[in-house]
Amino acid sequence: MKQSQTEWILTRLKHGPVTAIDALDGCGCFRLAARINDLRQAGYDIETKTLELPNGKHVAQYHLKEKETATC
């Protein structure tokens, strides 16, 4: 069975940050922000970081925030 774009993105987020280029190359997703929104609505805590490229342009980089565990 083929993995959906959202499933691919979630799997990738569990291993590190994802940009639009990663999503396009990895699963053919042209609308990463929409898939990130779907994951957020499903309860995943995803942080957005803006990166500045050498050419002065900016891109969004998303990463899954780790659940904090209490230490006693």
PDB file of N, CA and C in Angstrom:
ATOM      1  N   MET A   1       0.841  -1.185   0.000  1.00  0.00           N
ATOM      2  CA  MET A   1       0.000   0.000   0.000  1.00  0.00           C
ATOM      3  C   MET A   1       0.885   1.246   0.000  1.00  0.00           C
ATOM      4  N   LYS A   2       0.515   2.212  -0.814  1.00  0.00           N
ATOM      5  CA  LYS A   2       1.286   3.444  -0.923  1.00  0.00           C
ATOM      6  C   LYS A   2       0.990   4.366   0.259  1.00  0.00           C
ATOM      7  N   GLN A   3       2.039   4.988   0.772  1.00  0.00           N
ATOM      8  CA  GLN A   3       1.937   5.909   1.895  1.00  0.00           C
ATOM      9  C   GLN A   3       1.407   7.256   1.418  1.00  0.00           C
ATOM     10  N   SER A   4       0.480   7.865   2.189  1.00  0.00           N
ATOM     11  CA  SER A   4      -0.038   9.188   1.825  1.00  0.00           C
ATOM     12  C   SER A   4       1.052  10.233   2.063  1.00  0.00           C
ATOM     13  N   GLN A   5       0.854  11.410   1.497  1.00  0.00           N
ATOM     14  CA  GLN A   5       1.803  12.505   1.707  1.00  0.00           C
ATOM     15  C   GLN A   5       1.909  12.843   3.192  1.00  0.00           C
ATOM     16  N   THR A   6       0.771  12.902   3.867  1.00  0.00           N
ATOM     17  CA  THR A   6       0.774  13.253   5.279  1.00  0.00           C
ATOM     18  C   THR A   6       1.525  12.206   6.097  1.00  0.00           C
ATOM     19  N   GLU A   7       1.330  10.933   5.783  1.00  0.00           N
ATOM     20  CA  GLU A   7       2.049   9.866   6.479  1.00  0.00           C
ATOM     21  C   GLU A   7       3.548   9.974   6.224  1.00  0.00           C
ATOM     22  N   TRP A   8       3.926  10.248   4.981  1.00  0.00           N
ATOM     23  CA  TRP A   8       5.346  10.385   4.644  1.00  0.00           C
ATOM     24  C   TRP A   8       5.968  11.537   5.424  1.00  0.00           C
ATOM     25  N   ILE A   9       5.268  12.665   5.478  1.00  0.00           N
ATOM     26  CA  ILE A   9       5.779  13.851   6.172  1.00  0.00           C
ATOM     27  C   ILE A   9       5.923  13.570   7.663  1.00  0.00           C
ATOM     28  N   LEU A  10       4.935  12.913   8.271  1.00  0.00           N
ATOM     29  CA  LEU A  10       5.025  12.589   9.694  1.00  0.00           C
ATOM     30  C   LEU A  10       6.211  11.664   9.959  1.00  0.00           C
ATOM     31  N   THR A  11       6.389  10.658   9.144  1.00  0.00           N
ATOM     32  CA  THR A  11       7.532   9.753   9.300  1.00  0.00           C
ATOM     33  C   THR A  11       8.834  10.517   9.203  1.00  0.00           C
ATOM     34  N   ARG A  12       8.922  11.414   8.234  1.00  0.00           N
ATOM     35  CA  ARG A  12      10.143  12.214   8.046  1.00  0.00           C
ATOM     36  C   ARG A  12      10.376  13.150   9.222  1.00  0.00           C
ATOM     37  N   LEU A  13       9.303  13.764   9.743  1.00  0.00           N
ATOM     38  CA  LEU A  13       9.431  14.668  10.890  1.00  0.00           C
ATOM     39  C   LEU A  13       9.954  13.943  12.126  1.00  0.00           C
ATOM     40  N   LYS A  14       9.639  12.671  12.251  1.00  0.00           N
ATOM     41  CA  LYS A  14      10.111  11.891  13.399  1.00  0.00           C
ATOM     42  C   LYS A  14      11.623  11.673  13.338  1.00  0.00           C
ATOM     43  N   HIS A  15      12.214  11.909  12.162  1.00  0.00           N
ATOM     44  CA  HIS A  15      13.659  11.727  11.988  1.00  0.00           C
ATOM     45  C   HIS A  15      14.418  13.048  11.854  1.00  0.00           C
ATOM     46  N   GLY A  16      13.708  14.166  11.771  1.00  0.00           N
ATOM     47  CA  GLY A  16      14.373  15.454  11.652  1.00  0.00           C
ATOM     48  C   GLY A  16      13.512  16.465  10.927  1.00  0.00           C
ATOM     49  N   PRO A  17      14.050  17.666  10.722  1.00  0.00           N
ATOM     50  CA  PRO A  17      13.283  18.745  10.105  1.00  0.00           C
ATOM     51  C   PRO A  17      12.957  18.482   8.639  1.00  0.00           C
ATOM     52  N   VAL A  18      11.886  19.139   8.172  1.00  0.00           N
ATOM     53  CA  VAL A  18      11.418  18.989   6.791  1.00  0.00           C
ATOM     54  C   VAL A  18      11.191  20.374   6.185  1.00  0.00           C
ATOM     55  N   THR A  19      11.633  20.548   4.950  1.00  0.00           N
ATOM     56  CA  THR A  19      11.350  21.770   4.180  1.00  0.00           C
ATOM     57  C   THR A  19      10.476  21.393   2.987  1.00  0.00           C
ATOM     58  N   ALA A  20       9.992  22.398   2.278  1.00  0.00           N
ATOM     59  CA  ALA A  20       9.157  22.154   1.107  1.00  0.00           C
ATOM     60  C   ALA A  20       9.899  21.356   0.036  1.00  0.00           C
ATOM     61  N   ILE A  21      11.183  21.610  -0.124  1.00  0.00           N
ATOM     62  CA  ILE A  21      11.976  20.866  -1.108  1.00  0.00           C
ATOM     63  C   ILE A  21      12.062  19.393  -0.717  1.00  0.00           C
ATOM     64  N   ASP A  22      12.245  19.113   0.586  1.00  0.00           N
ATOM     65  CA  ASP A  22      12.268  17.732   1.062  1.00  0.00           C
ATOM     66  C   ASP A  22      10.958  17.021   0.722  1.00  0.00           C
ATOM     67  N   ALA A  23       9.834  17.694   0.996  1.00  0.00           N
ATOM     68  CA  ALA A  23       8.524  17.098   0.756  1.00  0.00           C
ATOM     69  C   ALA A  23       8.264  16.898  -0.742  1.00  0.00           C
ATOM     70  N   LEU A  24       8.681  17.849  -1.538  1.00  0.00           N
ATOM     71  CA  LEU A  24       8.494  17.714  -2.986  1.00  0.00           C
ATOM     72  C   LEU A  24       9.317  16.547  -3.528  1.00  0.00           C
ATOM     73  N   ASP A  25      10.573  16.470  -3.116  1.00  0.00           N
ATOM     74  CA  ASP A  25      11.445  15.378  -3.572  1.00  0.00           C
ATOM     75  C   ASP A  25      11.014  14.023  -3.007  1.00  0.00           C
ATOM     76  N   GLY A  26      10.576  14.003  -1.751  1.00  0.00           N
ATOM     77  CA  GLY A  26      10.291  12.740  -1.080  1.00  0.00           C
ATOM     78  C   GLY A  26       8.957  12.113  -1.405  1.00  0.00           C
ATOM     79  N   CYS A  27       7.919  12.945  -1.552  1.00  0.00           N
ATOM     80  CA  CYS A  27       6.584  12.371  -1.775  1.00  0.00           C
ATOM     81  C   CYS A  27       5.751  13.143  -2.786  1.00  0.00           C
ATOM     82  N   GLY A  28       6.362  14.118  -3.461  1.00  0.00           N
ATOM     83  CA  GLY A  28       5.636  14.867  -4.490  1.00  0.00           C
ATOM     84  C   GLY A  28       4.650  15.883  -3.939  1.00  0.00           C
ATOM     85  N   CYS A  29       4.848  16.294  -2.692  1.00  0.00           N
ATOM     86  CA  CYS A  29       3.929  17.232  -2.054  1.00  0.00           C
ATOM     87  C   CYS A  29       4.287  18.672  -2.422  1.00  0.00           C
ATOM     88  N   PHE A  30       3.356  19.352  -3.061  1.00  0.00           N
ATOM     89  CA  PHE A  30       3.542  20.758  -3.422  1.00  0.00           C
ATOM     90  C   PHE A  30       3.019  21.700  -2.342  1.00  0.00           C
ATOM     91  N   ARG A  31       2.219  21.176  -1.399  1.00  0.00           N
ATOM     92  CA  ARG A  31       1.580  22.032  -0.383  1.00  0.00           C
ATOM     93  C   ARG A  31       1.930  21.551   1.024  1.00  0.00           C
ATOM     94  N   LEU A  32       3.208  21.645   1.363  1.00  0.00           N
ATOM     95  CA  LEU A  32       3.667  21.178   2.670  1.00  0.00           C
ATOM     96  C   LEU A  32       2.946  21.891   3.808  1.00  0.00           C
ATOM     97  N   ALA A  33       2.752  23.179   3.715  1.00  0.00           N
ATOM     98  CA  ALA A  33       2.100  23.923   4.800  1.00  0.00           C
ATOM     99  C   ALA A  33       0.695  23.380   5.073  1.00  0.00           C
ATOM    100  N   ALA A  34      -0.012  22.963   4.042  1.00  0.00           N
ATOM    101  CA  ALA A  34      -1.351  22.402   4.227  1.00  0.00           C
ATOM    102  C   ALA A  34      -1.283  21.053   4.938  1.00  0.00           C
ATOM    103  N   ARG A  35      -0.296  20.237   4.582  1.00  0.00           N
ATOM    104  CA  ARG A  35      -0.147  18.929   5.240  1.00  0.00           C
ATOM    105  C   ARG A  35       0.298  19.114   6.697  1.00  0.00           C
ATOM    106  N   ILE A  36       1.150  20.116   6.959  1.00  0.00           N
ATOM    107  CA  ILE A  36       1.556  20.423   8.330  1.00  0.00           C
ATOM    108  C   ILE A  36       0.334  20.845   9.138  1.00  0.00           C
ATOM    109  N   ASN A  37      -0.533  21.637   8.535  1.00  0.00           N
ATOM    110  CA  ASN A  37      -1.766  22.054   9.200  1.00  0.00           C
ATOM    111  C   ASN A  37      -2.631  20.836   9.532  1.00  0.00           C
ATOM    112  N   ASP A  38      -2.733  19.884   8.614  1.00  0.00           N
ATOM    113  CA  ASP A  38      -3.490  18.656   8.876  1.00  0.00           C
ATOM    114  C   ASP A  38      -2.920  17.924  10.086  1.00  0.00           C
ATOM    115  N   LEU A  39      -1.597  17.827  10.155  1.00  0.00           N
ATOM    116  CA  LEU A  39      -0.953  17.141  11.275  1.00  0.00           C
ATOM    117  C   LEU A  39      -1.167  17.890  12.590  1.00  0.00           C
ATOM    118  N   ARG A  40      -1.118  19.211  12.538  1.00  0.00           N
ATOM    119  CA  ARG A  40      -1.366  20.003  13.749  1.00  0.00           C
ATOM    120  C   ARG A  40      -2.795  19.786  14.232  1.00  0.00           C
ATOM    121  N   GLN A  41      -3.745  19.760  13.300  1.00  0.00           N
ATOM    122  CA  GLN A  41      -5.144  19.531  13.675  1.00  0.00           C
ATOM    123  C   GLN A  41      -5.349  18.131  14.234  1.00  0.00           C
ATOM    124  N   ALA A  42      -4.480  17.205  13.865  1.00  0.00           N
ATOM    125  CA  ALA A  42      -4.540  15.841  14.392  1.00  0.00           C
ATOM    126  C   ALA A  42      -3.858  15.734  15.755  1.00  0.00           C
ATOM    127  N   GLY A  43      -3.282  16.840  16.248  1.00  0.00           N
ATOM    128  CA  GLY A  43      -2.716  16.865  17.583  1.00  0.00           C
ATOM    129  C   GLY A  43      -1.205  16.861  17.676  1.00  0.00           C
ATOM    130  N   TYR A  44      -0.511  16.879  16.558  1.00  0.00           N
ATOM    131  CA  TYR A  44       0.954  16.892  16.593  1.00  0.00           C
ATOM    132  C   TYR A  44       1.458  18.308  16.839  1.00  0.00           C
ATOM    133  N   ASP A  45       2.465  18.427  17.693  1.00  0.00           N
ATOM    134  CA  ASP A  45       3.057  19.722  18.037  1.00  0.00           C
ATOM    135  C   ASP A  45       4.248  19.952  17.098  1.00  0.00           C
ATOM    136  N   ILE A  46       4.030  20.762  16.084  1.00  0.00           N
ATOM    137  CA  ILE A  46       5.044  21.006  15.055  1.00  0.00           C
ATOM    138  C   ILE A  46       5.434  22.475  15.092  1.00  0.00           C
ATOM    139  N   GLU A  47       6.729  22.710  15.153  1.00  0.00           N
ATOM    140  CA  GLU A  47       7.261  24.074  15.218  1.00  0.00           C
ATOM    141  C   GLU A  47       7.768  24.494  13.839  1.00  0.00           C
ATOM    142  N   THR A  48       7.587  25.759  13.525  1.00  0.00           N
ATOM    143  CA  THR A  48       8.064  26.320  12.266  1.00  0.00           C
ATOM    144  C   THR A  48       9.244  27.236  12.541  1.00  0.00           C
ATOM    145  N   LYS A  49      10.300  27.037  11.785  1.00  0.00           N
ATOM    146  CA  LYS A  49      11.483  27.901  11.877  1.00  0.00           C
ATOM    147  C   LYS A  49      11.715  28.479  10.483  1.00  0.00           C
ATOM    148  N   THR A  50      12.017  29.767  10.400  1.00  0.00           N
ATOM    149  CA  THR A  50      12.295  30.394   9.113  1.00  0.00           C
ATOM    150  C   THR A  50      13.805  30.436   8.897  1.00  0.00           C
ATOM    151  N   LEU A  51      14.228  29.896   7.767  1.00  0.00           N
ATOM    152  CA  LEU A  51      15.645  29.889   7.416  1.00  0.00           C
ATOM    153  C   LEU A  51      15.901  30.893   6.307  1.00  0.00           C
ATOM    154  N   GLU A  52      17.020  31.598   6.398  1.00  0.00           N
ATOM    155  CA  GLU A  52      17.412  32.501   5.318  1.00  0.00           C
ATOM    156  C   GLU A  52      18.465  31.797   4.470  1.00  0.00           C
ATOM    157  N   LEU A  53      18.198  31.722   3.179  1.00  0.00           N
ATOM    158  CA  LEU A  53      19.125  31.093   2.248  1.00  0.00           C
ATOM    159  C   LEU A  53      20.224  32.080   1.858  1.00  0.00           C
ATOM    160  N   PRO A  54      21.330  31.576   1.315  1.00  0.00           N
ATOM    161  CA  PRO A  54      22.422  32.465   0.900  1.00  0.00           C
ATOM    162  C   PRO A  54      21.993  33.552  -0.094  1.00  0.00           C
ATOM    163  N   ASN A  55      20.936  33.279  -0.875  1.00  0.00           N
ATOM    164  CA  ASN A  55      20.474  34.264  -1.851  1.00  0.00           C
ATOM    165  C   ASN A  55      19.525  35.303  -1.249  1.00  0.00           C
ATOM    166  N   GLY A  56      19.310  35.217   0.085  1.00  0.00           N
ATOM    167  CA  GLY A  56      18.457  36.187   0.762  1.00  0.00           C
ATOM    168  C   GLY A  56      17.000  35.773   0.866  1.00  0.00           C
ATOM    169  N   LYS A  57      16.609  34.687   0.200  1.00  0.00           N
ATOM    170  CA  LYS A  57      15.222  34.211   0.288  1.00  0.00           C
ATOM    171  C   LYS A  57      15.036  33.441   1.590  1.00  0.00           C
ATOM    172  N   HIS A  58      13.769  33.303   1.984  1.00  0.00           N
ATOM    173  CA  HIS A  58      13.436  32.615   3.227  1.00  0.00           C
ATOM    174  C   HIS A  58      12.592  31.380   2.924  1.00  0.00           C
ATOM    175  N   VAL A  59      12.823  30.316   3.687  1.00  0.00           N
ATOM    176  CA  VAL A  59      12.031  29.095   3.566  1.00  0.00           C
ATOM    177  C   VAL A  59      11.631  28.635   4.965  1.00  0.00           C
ATOM    178  N   ALA A  60      10.495  27.957   5.037  1.00  0.00           N
ATOM    179  CA  ALA A  60      10.029  27.399   6.304  1.00  0.00           C
ATOM    180  C   ALA A  60      10.626  26.012   6.495  1.00  0.00           C
ATOM    181  N   GLN A  61      11.037  25.755   7.723  1.00  0.00           N
ATOM    182  CA  GLN A  61      11.528  24.432   8.105  1.00  0.00           C
ATOM    183  C   GLN A  61      10.669  23.986   9.287  1.00  0.00           C
ATOM    184  N   TYR A  62      10.114  22.795   9.188  1.00  0.00           N
ATOM    185  CA  TYR A  62       9.227  22.283  10.221  1.00  0.00           C
ATOM    186  C   TYR A  62       9.911  21.162  10.985  1.00  0.00           C
ATOM    187  N   HIS A  63       9.649  21.123  12.313  1.00  0.00           N
ATOM    188  CA  HIS A  63      10.131  19.977  13.072  1.00  0.00           C
ATOM    189  C   HIS A  63       9.127  19.620  14.160  1.00  0.00           C
ATOM    190  N   LEU A  64       9.094  18.339  14.466  1.00  0.00           N
ATOM    191  CA  LEU A  64       8.189  17.797  15.463  1.00  0.00           C
ATOM    192  C   LEU A  64       8.798  18.025  16.831  1.00  0.00           C
ATOM    193  N   LYS A  65       8.047  18.706  17.695  1.00  0.00           N
ATOM    194  CA  LYS A  65       8.555  18.967  19.043  1.00  0.00           C
ATOM    195  C   LYS A  65       8.421  17.691  19.868  1.00  0.00           C
ATOM    196  N   GLU A  66       9.470  17.407  20.634  1.00  0.00           N
ATOM    197  CA  GLU A  66       9.478  16.224  21.486  1.00  0.00           C
ATOM    198  C   GLU A  66       8.587  16.463  22.707  1.00  0.00           C
ATOM    199  N   LYS A  67       7.946  15.415  23.125  1.00  0.00           N
ATOM    200  CA  LYS A  67       7.156  15.483  24.353  1.00  0.00           C
ATOM    201  C   LYS A  67       8.123  15.539  25.521  1.00  0.00           C
ATOM    202  N   GLU A  68       7.890  16.482  26.421  1.00  0.00           N
ATOM    203  CA  GLU A  68       8.758  16.602  27.597  1.00  0.00           C
ATOM    204  C   GLU A  68       8.291  15.589  28.642  1.00  0.00           C
ATOM    205  N   THR A  69       9.251  14.943  29.252  1.00  0.00           N
ATOM    206  CA  THR A  69       8.922  13.998  30.313  1.00  0.00           C
ATOM    207  C   THR A  69       9.326  14.596  31.650  1.00  0.00           C
ATOM    208  N   ALA A  70       8.481  14.422  32.636  1.00  0.00           N
ATOM    209  CA  ALA A  70       8.751  14.966  33.975  1.00  0.00           C
ATOM    210  C   ALA A  70       9.845  14.143  34.648  1.00  0.00           C
ATOM    211  N   THR A  71      10.722  14.848  35.332  1.00  0.00           N
ATOM    212  CA  THR A  71      11.771  14.152  36.085  1.00  0.00           C
ATOM    213  C   THR A  71      11.513  14.354  37.564  1.00  0.00           C
ATOM    214  N   CYS A  72      11.511  13.269  38.306  1.00  0.00           N
ATOM    215  CA  CYS A  72      11.234  13.354  39.749  1.00  0.00           C
ATOM    216  C   CYS A  72      12.405  12.818  40.535  1.00  0.00           C
TER     217      CYS A  72
END
